[in-house]
PDB file of N, CA and C in Angstrom:
ATOM      1  N   MET A   1      43.999  86.103  73.452  1.00  0.00           N
ATOM      2  CA  MET A   1      45.294  86.624  73.842  1.00  0.00           C
ATOM      3  C   MET A   1      45.496  87.615  72.614  1.00  0.00           C
ATOM      4  N   GLN A   2      45.804  89.030  72.654  1.00  0.00           N
ATOM      5  CA  GLN A   2      46.203  89.767  71.329  1.00  0.00           C
ATOM      6  C   GLN A   2      47.756  89.208  71.488  1.00  0.00           C
ATOM      7  N   ALA A   3      48.013  89.282  70.359  1.00  0.00           N
ATOM      8  CA  ALA A   3      50.004  89.633  69.965  1.00  0.00           C
ATOM      9  C   ALA A   3      49.894  90.076  68.473  1.00  0.00           C
ATOM     10  N   THR A   4      51.593  90.346  68.461  1.00  0.00           N
ATOM     11  CA  THR A   4      51.938  90.919  67.219  1.00  0.00           C
ATOM     12  C   THR A   4      52.473  89.772  66.371  1.00  0.00           C
ATOM     13  N   ALA A   5      52.347  89.621  65.026  1.00  0.00           N
ATOM     14  CA  ALA A   5      53.017  88.841  64.188  1.00  0.00           C
ATOM     15  C   ALA A   5      54.555  88.995  64.086  1.00  0.00           C
ATOM     16  N   HIS A   6      55.513  88.341  64.230  1.00  0.00           N
ATOM     17  CA  HIS A   6      56.830  88.621  64.591  1.00  0.00           C
ATOM     18  C   HIS A   6      57.562  88.188  63.096  1.00  0.00           C
ATOM     19  N   THR A   7      57.329  86.732  62.864  1.00  0.00           N
ATOM     20  CA  THR A   7      57.933  85.853  61.889  1.00  0.00           C
ATOM     21  C   THR A   7      57.190  85.175  61.243  1.00  0.00           C
ATOM     22  N   TYR A   8      56.972  84.723  59.779  1.00  0.00           N
ATOM     23  CA  TYR A   8      55.981  83.470  59.069  1.00  0.00           C
ATOM     24  C   TYR A   8      56.797  83.314  57.869  1.00  0.00           C
ATOM     25  N   ASP A   9      56.952  81.783  57.880  1.00  0.00           N
ATOM     26  CA  ASP A   9      57.430  81.235  56.675  1.00  0.00           C
ATOM     27  C   ASP A   9      56.350  80.397  55.878  1.00  0.00           C
ATOM     28  N   PRO A  10      55.854  81.343  54.783  1.00  0.00           N
ATOM     29  CA  PRO A  10      54.996  80.704  53.981  1.00  0.00           C
ATOM     30  C   PRO A  10      55.109  79.613  53.454  1.00  0.00           C
ATOM     31  N   ARG A  11      56.410  78.861  53.389  1.00  0.00           N
ATOM     32  CA  ARG A  11      56.849  77.878  52.983  1.00  0.00           C
ATOM     33  C   ARG A  11      56.177  76.474  53.697  1.00  0.00           C
ATOM     34  N   THR A  12      56.697  76.857  55.015  1.00  0.00           N
ATOM     35  CA  THR A  12      56.384  75.821  56.481  1.00  0.00           C
ATOM     36  C   THR A  12      55.141  76.221  57.136  1.00  0.00           C
ATOM     37  N   ARG A  13      54.844  77.242  56.586  1.00  0.00           N
ATOM     38  CA  ARG A  13      53.389  77.745  57.366  1.00  0.00           C
ATOM     39  C   ARG A  13      53.857  77.800  59.047  1.00  0.00           C
ATOM     40  N   THR A  14      54.972  78.255  59.631  1.00  0.00           N
ATOM     41  CA  THR A  14      55.132  78.380  60.875  1.00  0.00           C
ATOM     42  C   THR A  14      55.662  80.124  60.912  1.00  0.00           C
ATOM     43  N   GLY A  15      55.877  80.144  62.328  1.00  0.00           N
ATOM     44  CA  GLY A  15      56.152  81.608  62.517  1.00  0.00           C
ATOM     45  C   GLY A  15      56.458  81.613  64.156  1.00  0.00           C
ATOM     46  N   SER A  16      56.521  83.189  64.290  1.00  0.00           N
ATOM     47  CA  SER A  16      56.203  83.647  65.917  1.00  0.00           C
ATOM     48  C   SER A  16      55.443  84.621  65.637  1.00  0.00           C
ATOM     49  N   VAL A  17      54.972  84.917  67.321  1.00  0.00           N
ATOM     50  CA  VAL A  17      54.434  86.284  67.734  1.00  0.00           C
ATOM     51  C   VAL A  17      55.217  86.728  68.806  1.00  0.00           C
ATOM     52  N   LEU A  18      55.108  88.121  68.893  1.00  0.00           N
ATOM     53  CA  LEU A  18      55.035  89.001  70.188  1.00  0.00           C
ATOM     54  C   LEU A  18      54.006  88.707  71.024  1.00  0.00           C
ATOM     55  N   LEU A  19      53.923  88.336  72.082  1.00  0.00           N
ATOM     56  CA  LEU A  19      52.988  88.788  72.967  1.00  0.00           C
ATOM     57  C   LEU A  19      53.059  90.372  73.381  1.00  0.00           C
ATOM     58  N   ASP A  20      52.050  90.920  74.087  1.00  0.00           N
ATOM     59  CA  ASP A  20      52.219  92.614  74.073  1.00  0.00           C
ATOM     60  C   ASP A  20      53.061  92.699  75.373  1.00  0.00           C
ATOM     61  N   ASP A  21      53.611  91.938  76.291  1.00  0.00           N
ATOM     62  CA  ASP A  21      54.677  92.098  77.230  1.00  0.00           C
ATOM     63  C   ASP A  21      56.229  91.685  76.547  1.00  0.00           C
ATOM     64  N   GLY A  22      55.889  91.637  75.065  1.00  0.00           N
ATOM     65  CA  GLY A  22      57.395  91.454  74.706  1.00  0.00           C
ATOM     66  C   GLY A  22      57.909  89.975  74.440  1.00  0.00           C
ATOM     67  N   THR A  23      57.012  88.882  75.021  1.00  0.00           N
ATOM     68  CA  THR A  23      57.351  87.633  75.098  1.00  0.00           C
ATOM     69  C   THR A  23      57.213  86.891  73.776  1.00  0.00           C
ATOM     70  N   PRO A  24      58.320  86.578  72.925  1.00  0.00           N
ATOM     71  CA  PRO A  24      58.135  85.615  71.732  1.00  0.00           C
ATOM     72  C   PRO A  24      57.518  83.922  72.038  1.00  0.00           C
ATOM     73  N   LEU A  25      56.710  84.083  71.148  1.00  0.00           N
ATOM     74  CA  LEU A  25      56.395  82.417  71.165  1.00  0.00           C
ATOM     75  C   LEU A  25      56.056  82.067  69.521  1.00  0.00           C
ATOM     76  N   ASP A  26      56.461  80.912  69.655  1.00  0.00           N
ATOM     77  CA  ASP A  26      56.262  80.183  68.223  1.00  0.00           C
ATOM     78  C   ASP A  26      55.010  79.203  67.894  1.00  0.00           C
ATOM     79  N   PHE A  27      54.715  79.670  66.721  1.00  0.00           N
ATOM     80  CA  PHE A  27      53.752  78.676  66.580  1.00  0.00           C
ATOM     81  C   PHE A  27      53.758  77.562  65.471  1.00  0.00           C
ATOM     82  N   ASP A  28      52.993  76.574  65.090  1.00  0.00           N
ATOM     83  CA  ASP A  28      52.844  75.479  64.216  1.00  0.00           C
ATOM     84  C   ASP A  28      52.444  75.636  63.348  1.00  0.00           C
ATOM     85  N   ARG A  29      52.535  74.558  62.147  1.00  0.00           N
ATOM     86  CA  ARG A  29      51.677  74.942  60.890  1.00  0.00           C
ATOM     87  C   ARG A  29      50.176  74.459  61.375  1.00  0.00           C
ATOM     88  N   ALA A  30      49.933  73.602  62.202  1.00  0.00           N
ATOM     89  CA  ALA A  30      48.489  73.458  62.720  1.00  0.00           C
ATOM     90  C   ALA A  30      47.808  74.572  63.525  1.00  0.00           C
ATOM     91  N   ALA A  31      48.542  75.287  64.287  1.00  0.00           N
ATOM     92  CA  ALA A  31      47.707  76.625  64.673  1.00  0.00           C
ATOM     93  C   ALA A  31      47.776  77.720  63.688  1.00  0.00           C
ATOM     94  N   PHE A  32      48.632  77.757  62.467  1.00  0.00           N
ATOM     95  CA  PHE A  32      48.245  78.491  61.719  1.00  0.00           C
ATOM     96  C   PHE A  32      47.265  78.148  60.778  1.00  0.00           C
ATOM     97  N   ASP A  33      47.130  76.577  60.695  1.00  0.00           N
ATOM     98  CA  ASP A  33      45.967  76.146  59.578  1.00  0.00           C
ATOM     99  C   ASP A  33      45.044  76.370  60.226  1.00  0.00           C
ATOM    100  N   ALA A  34      44.827  76.240  61.555  1.00  0.00           N
ATOM    101  CA  ALA A  34      43.227  76.140  62.181  1.00  0.00           C
ATOM    102  C   ALA A  34      42.935  77.700  62.367  1.00  0.00           C
ATOM    103  N   GLY A  35      43.448  78.693  62.249  1.00  0.00           N
ATOM    104  CA  GLY A  35      43.112  79.924  61.933  1.00  0.00           C
ATOM    105  C   GLY A  35      42.317  80.355  60.559  1.00  0.00           C
ATOM    106  N   GLY A  36      42.673  79.550  59.536  1.00  0.00           N
ATOM    107  CA  GLY A  36      42.354  79.650  58.470  1.00  0.00           C
ATOM    108  C   GLY A  36      42.901  80.648  57.646  1.00  0.00           C
ATOM    109  N   LEU A  37      43.914  81.326  58.013  1.00  0.00           N
ATOM    110  CA  LEU A  37      44.741  82.180  57.351  1.00  0.00           C
ATOM    111  C   LEU A  37      45.376  81.933  56.330  1.00  0.00           C
ATOM    112  N   LEU A  38      45.423  82.867  55.169  1.00  0.00           N
ATOM    113  CA  LEU A  38      46.217  82.494  53.891  1.00  0.00           C
ATOM    114  C   LEU A  38      47.929  83.067  53.744  1.00  0.00           C
ATOM    115  N   LEU A  39      47.844  84.097  54.541  1.00  0.00           N
ATOM    116  CA  LEU A  39      49.357  84.938  54.680  1.00  0.00           C
ATOM    117  C   LEU A  39      49.184  85.470  56.111  1.00  0.00           C
ATOM    118  N   LEU A  40      50.223  85.647  56.548  1.00  0.00           N
ATOM    119  CA  LEU A  40      50.736  86.776  57.831  1.00  0.00           C
ATOM    120  C   LEU A  40      51.920  87.561  57.474  1.00  0.00           C
ATOM    121  N   ARG A  41      51.833  89.058  57.778  1.00  0.00           N
ATOM    122  CA  ARG A  41      52.748  89.450  57.528  1.00  0.00           C
ATOM    123  C   ARG A  41      53.462  90.207  58.828  1.00  0.00           C
ATOM    124  N   SER A  42      54.656  90.179  59.293  1.00  0.00           N
ATOM    125  CA  SER A  42      55.349  91.146  60.515  1.00  0.00           C
ATOM    126  C   SER A  42      54.758  92.122  60.905  1.00  0.00           C
ATOM    127  N   GLY A  43      54.377  92.135  61.798  1.00  0.00           N
ATOM    128  CA  GLY A  43      53.564  93.446  62.483  1.00  0.00           C
ATOM    129  C   GLY A  43      51.969  93.683  62.434  1.00  0.00           C
ATOM    130  N   GLN A  44      51.510  92.795  61.811  1.00  0.00           N
ATOM    131  CA  GLN A  44      49.859  92.668  61.833  1.00  0.00           C
ATOM    132  C   GLN A  44      49.448  91.941  63.384  1.00  0.00           C
ATOM    133  N   ARG A  45      48.377  92.577  63.858  1.00  0.00           N
ATOM    134  CA  ARG A  45      47.819  92.487  64.906  1.00  0.00           C
ATOM    135  C   ARG A  45      47.147  90.936  65.003  1.00  0.00           C
ATOM    136  N   VAL A  46      47.434  89.782  65.912  1.00  0.00           N
ATOM    137  CA  VAL A  46      46.585  88.675  65.748  1.00  0.00           C
ATOM    138  C   VAL A  46      46.141  88.292  67.006  1.00  0.00           C
ATOM    139  N   ARG A  47      45.243  87.246  66.924  1.00  0.00           N
ATOM    140  CA  ARG A  47      44.854  86.834  68.006  1.00  0.00           C
ATOM    141  C   ARG A  47      45.321  85.412  68.549  1.00  0.00           C
ATOM    142  N   VAL A  48      45.906  85.122  69.745  1.00  0.00           N
ATOM    143  CA  VAL A  48      46.012  83.419  69.968  1.00  0.00           C
ATOM    144  C   VAL A  48      45.408  83.000  70.954  1.00  0.00           C
ATOM    145  N   GLU A  49      45.121  81.717  70.613  1.00  0.00           N
ATOM    146  CA  GLU A  49      44.485  80.875  71.956  1.00  0.00           C
ATOM    147  C   GLU A  49      45.440  79.487  72.269  1.00  0.00           C
ATOM    148  N   PHE A  50      45.714  79.734  73.280  1.00  0.00           N
ATOM    149  CA  PHE A  50      46.869  78.926  74.076  1.00  0.00           C
ATOM    150  C   PHE A  50      45.955  77.202  74.461  1.00  0.00           C
ATOM    151  N   GLU A  51      46.765  76.159  74.681  1.00  0.00           N
ATOM    152  CA  GLU A  51      46.356  75.199  75.293  1.00  0.00           C
ATOM    153  C   GLU A  51      47.636  74.798  76.089  1.00  0.00           C
ATOM    154  N   GLY A  52      47.685  74.233  77.088  1.00  0.00           N
ATOM    155  CA  GLY A  52      48.426  73.555  77.945  1.00  0.00           C
ATOM    156  C   GLY A  52      48.862  74.459  78.847  1.00  0.00           C
ATOM    157  N   GLU A  53      49.959  74.200  79.871  1.00  0.00           N
ATOM    158  CA  GLU A  53      50.156  75.563  80.865  1.00  0.00           C
ATOM    159  C   GLU A  53      51.618  75.261  81.175  1.00  0.00           C
ATOM    160  N   GLY A  54      52.283  76.176  81.637  1.00  0.00           N
ATOM    161  CA  GLY A  54      53.727  76.314  81.841  1.00  0.00           C
ATOM    162  C   GLY A  54      54.745  76.176  80.753  1.00  0.00           C
ATOM    163  N   SER A  55      55.745  75.409  81.089  1.00  0.00           N
ATOM    164  CA  SER A  55      56.312  75.009  79.600  1.00  0.00           C
ATOM    165  C   SER A  55      55.595  74.343  78.587  1.00  0.00           C
ATOM    166  N   GLY A  56      54.868  73.665  78.715  1.00  0.00           N
ATOM    167  CA  GLY A  56      54.151  72.866  78.174  1.00  0.00           C
ATOM    168  C   GLY A  56      52.836  73.613  76.868  1.00  0.00           C
ATOM    169  N   ARG A  57      52.831  75.060  77.302  1.00  0.00           N
ATOM    170  CA  ARG A  57      51.870  76.088  76.929  1.00  0.00           C
ATOM    171  C   ARG A  57      52.317  76.066  75.129  1.00  0.00           C
ATOM    172  N   ARG A  58      51.319  76.001  74.721  1.00  0.00           N
ATOM    173  CA  ARG A  58      51.611  75.963  72.852  1.00  0.00           C
ATOM    174  C   ARG A  58      50.232  76.956  72.508  1.00  0.00           C
ATOM    175  N   ILE A  59      50.679  77.610  71.131  1.00  0.00           N
ATOM    176  CA  ILE A  59      49.810  78.322  70.721  1.00  0.00           C
ATOM    177  C   ILE A  59      48.760  77.378  69.610  1.00  0.00           C
ATOM    178  N   ARG A  60      47.555  77.205  69.727  1.00  0.00           N
ATOM    179  CA  ARG A  60      47.052  76.048  69.115  1.00  0.00           C
ATOM    180  C   ARG A  60      46.123  76.774  67.955  1.00  0.00           C
ATOM    181  N   LEU A  61      46.051  78.272  67.947  1.00  0.00           N
ATOM    182  CA  LEU A  61      44.934  79.002  66.926  1.00  0.00           C
ATOM    183  C   LEU A  61      45.876  80.632  66.993  1.00  0.00           C
ATOM    184  N   VAL A  62      46.204  80.689  65.469  1.00  0.00           N
ATOM    185  CA  VAL A  62      46.088  82.173  65.112  1.00  0.00           C
ATOM    186  C   VAL A  62      45.279  82.857  64.288  1.00  0.00           C
ATOM    187  N   THR A  63      44.510  83.823  64.489  1.00  0.00           N
ATOM    188  CA  THR A  63      43.620  84.442  63.248  1.00  0.00           C
ATOM    189  C   THR A  63      44.342  86.233  63.719  1.00  0.00           C
ATOM    190  N   LEU A  64      43.829  86.897  62.601  1.00  0.00           N
ATOM    191  CA  LEU A  64      43.880  88.165  62.466  1.00  0.00           C
ATOM    192  C   LEU A  64      43.222  88.968  63.534  1.00  0.00           C
ATOM    193  N   GLN A  65      43.486  89.787  64.515  1.00  0.00           N
ATOM    194  CA  GLN A  65      42.586  90.626  65.504  1.00  0.00           C
ATOM    195  C   GLN A  65      41.811  91.336  64.665  1.00  0.00           C
ATOM    196  N   THR A  66      40.549  91.408  64.735  1.00  0.00           N
ATOM    197  CA  THR A  66      39.411  92.533  64.263  1.00  0.00           C
ATOM    198  C   THR A  66      38.993  93.515  65.317  1.00  0.00           C
ATOM    199  N   PHE A  67      38.659  94.657  64.938  1.00  0.00           N
ATOM    200  CA  PHE A  67      38.240  95.216  65.931  1.00  0.00           C
ATOM    201  C   PHE A  67      36.685  95.786  65.804  1.00  0.00           C
TER     202      PHE A  67
END
């Protein structure tokens, strides 16, 4: 799924994205590291993958969206 980077803390390597419907979702260090990224800027388009469902759904991977 595509999203837009909203926040990112380079010290903790955690942050949040906004889904295209405006829903904010946080990601943890493991999800950031799984994508192999070194840095993320607010406004960048990203691709996210989830695991779990409902209230247990979490981002497991964050990568840059490429066209």
